[in-house]
Amino acid sequence: MLMDETGTLGVRVYEFRKVVAAREKETVPVSLGGRVYPVRVKTSTVNGRLIAEKPEYDDLSAIAREQGIPLRFVDEEVRLRISEWKRERATIRGGAGGGCPPDRPNAANAARDE
């Protein structure tokens, strides 16, 4: 189409690979203000390495409204409690909990650098 429309004699084409993070959702019990709330958490990983961990906005917003405290404070507290909860679970299972950066390049970095 470019050649037809513009009259150009050549078009340079680059192909890129896309690395997509694996996504999981789980519900984590979070104690805040004397009450336990179920908070849905989205976790993204690439080759077993933690990329992002994010509590659902709707859950944070509901807690903030009910407790009468700023959303920013709820977000900080929930993230802290989620980290503690995951660390406790990893200790029980005998693992380190993951999320440590690798000491050598991984597939995600290799794909990005190509």
Protein backbone atom coordinates (compact mmCIF):
# COMPACT_ATOMS: atom_id res chain seq x y z
CA MET A 1 0.00 0.00 0.00
CA LEU A 2 2.88 2.40 0.79
CA MET A 3 4.39 1.79 -2.62
CA ASP A 4 1.05 2.25 -4.38
CA GLU A 5 0.14 5.43 -2.53
CA THR A 6 3.56 7.14 -2.34
CA GLY A 7 5.48 5.81 -5.33
CA THR A 8 8.41 4.80 -3.13
CA LEU A 9 10.69 2.07 -4.53
CA GLY A 10 11.40 0.44 -1.18
CA VAL A 11 10.12 0.06 2.35
CA ARG A 12 12.28 -0.92 5.28
CA VAL A 13 10.58 -3.52 7.52
CA TYR A 14 11.63 -4.36 11.08
CA GLU A 15 10.16 -7.28 12.97
CA PHE A 16 9.95 -7.26 16.76
CA ARG A 17 9.21 -10.00 19.22
CA LYS A 18 6.95 -9.27 22.14
CA VAL A 19 7.49 -10.73 25.59
CA VAL A 20 4.24 -10.90 27.56
CA ALA A 21 4.25 -11.17 31.32
CA ALA A 22 2.32 -14.01 32.92
CA ARG A 23 -0.50 -12.64 35.06
CA GLU A 24 -2.07 -14.11 38.16
CA LYS A 25 -4.77 -12.88 40.49
CA GLU A 26 -5.16 -13.90 44.11
CA THR A 27 -7.07 -12.59 47.09
CA VAL A 28 -5.01 -11.62 50.11
CA PRO A 29 -6.54 -11.04 53.55
CA VAL A 30 -5.45 -7.61 54.81
CA SER A 31 -6.04 -6.42 58.37
CA LEU A 32 -6.55 -2.67 58.62
CA GLY A 33 -8.29 -0.62 61.28
CA GLY A 34 -9.35 -3.68 63.26
CA ARG A 35 -11.02 -5.38 60.30
CA VAL A 36 -9.84 -7.96 57.77
CA TYR A 37 -10.51 -7.10 54.13
CA PRO A 38 -10.12 -9.40 51.12
CA VAL A 39 -7.91 -7.53 48.64
CA ARG A 40 -7.48 -8.81 45.09
CA VAL A 41 -3.87 -8.61 43.95
CA LYS A 42 -2.61 -8.81 40.36
CA THR A 43 0.90 -10.23 39.97
CA SER A 44 2.94 -10.16 36.76
CA THR A 45 6.02 -12.33 36.18
CA VAL A 46 8.41 -13.07 33.33
CA ASN A 47 10.32 -16.35 33.54
CA GLY A 48 9.44 -16.63 37.22
CA ARG A 49 10.80 -13.15 38.03
CA LEU A 50 8.40 -10.72 39.70
CA ILE A 51 7.69 -7.72 37.48
CA ALA A 52 4.76 -6.04 39.25
CA GLU A 53 2.39 -6.61 42.10
CA LYS A 54 -0.67 -4.39 42.31
CA PRO A 55 -3.72 -4.39 44.58
CA GLU A 56 -7.06 -3.72 42.87
CA TYR A 57 -8.01 -0.06 42.94
CA ASP A 58 -11.69 -0.83 43.68
CA ASP A 59 -10.71 -2.80 46.82
CA LEU A 60 -8.42 0.00 48.04
CA SER A 61 -11.05 2.62 47.34
CA ALA A 62 -13.72 0.69 49.27
CA ILE A 63 -11.40 0.33 52.29
CA ALA A 64 -10.54 4.04 52.21
CA ARG A 65 -14.21 5.03 52.12
CA GLU A 66 -15.17 2.65 54.91
CA GLN A 67 -12.23 3.63 57.15
CA GLY A 68 -12.51 7.34 56.31
CA ILE A 69 -8.81 7.63 55.45
CA PRO A 70 -6.97 8.79 52.30
CA LEU A 71 -6.60 6.29 49.47
CA ARG A 72 -2.85 6.97 49.36
CA PHE A 73 -2.50 5.78 52.97
CA VAL A 74 -4.58 2.66 52.30
CA ASP A 75 -2.45 1.83 49.23
CA GLU A 76 0.80 2.10 51.23
CA GLU A 77 -0.53 0.03 54.13
CA VAL A 78 -2.07 -2.66 51.91
CA ARG A 79 1.14 -3.05 49.88
CA LEU A 80 3.12 -3.41 53.12
CA ARG A 81 0.68 -5.98 54.51
CA ILE A 82 0.70 -7.94 51.22
CA SER A 83 4.52 -8.08 51.30
CA GLU A 84 4.46 -9.33 54.90
CA TRP A 85 1.77 -11.91 54.06
CA LYS A 86 3.74 -13.21 51.07
CA ARG A 87 6.97 -13.33 53.09
CA GLU A 88 5.22 -15.38 55.80
CA ARG A 89 3.83 -17.80 53.20
CA ALA A 90 7.26 -18.17 51.57
CA THR A 91 8.85 -18.91 54.95
CA ILE A 92 6.24 -21.59 55.65
CA ARG A 93 6.86 -23.13 52.22
CA GLY A 94 10.63 -22.85 52.65
CA GLY A 95 11.20 -20.46 49.74
CA ALA A 96 12.73 -17.04 49.42
CA GLY A 97 9.54 -15.49 48.06
CA GLY A 98 10.91 -14.60 44.63
CA GLY A 99 11.11 -11.17 43.15
CA CYS A 100 14.89 -10.86 43.41
CA PRO A 101 16.51 -9.55 40.27
CA PRO A 102 18.53 -12.13 38.37
CA ASP A 103 22.32 -11.95 38.37
CA ARG A 104 22.49 -12.69 34.65
CA PRO A 105 20.42 -11.69 31.63
CA ASN A 106 17.10 -13.40 31.22
CA ALA A 107 14.85 -13.98 28.22
CA ALA A 108 12.96 -10.71 28.78
CA ASN A 109 16.16 -8.69 28.68
CA ALA A 110 17.49 -10.65 25.71
CA ALA A 111 14.27 -10.02 23.75
CA ARG A 112 14.36 -6.32 24.63
CA ASP A 113 18.00 -5.98 23.57
CA GLU A 114 17.61 -7.70 20.19
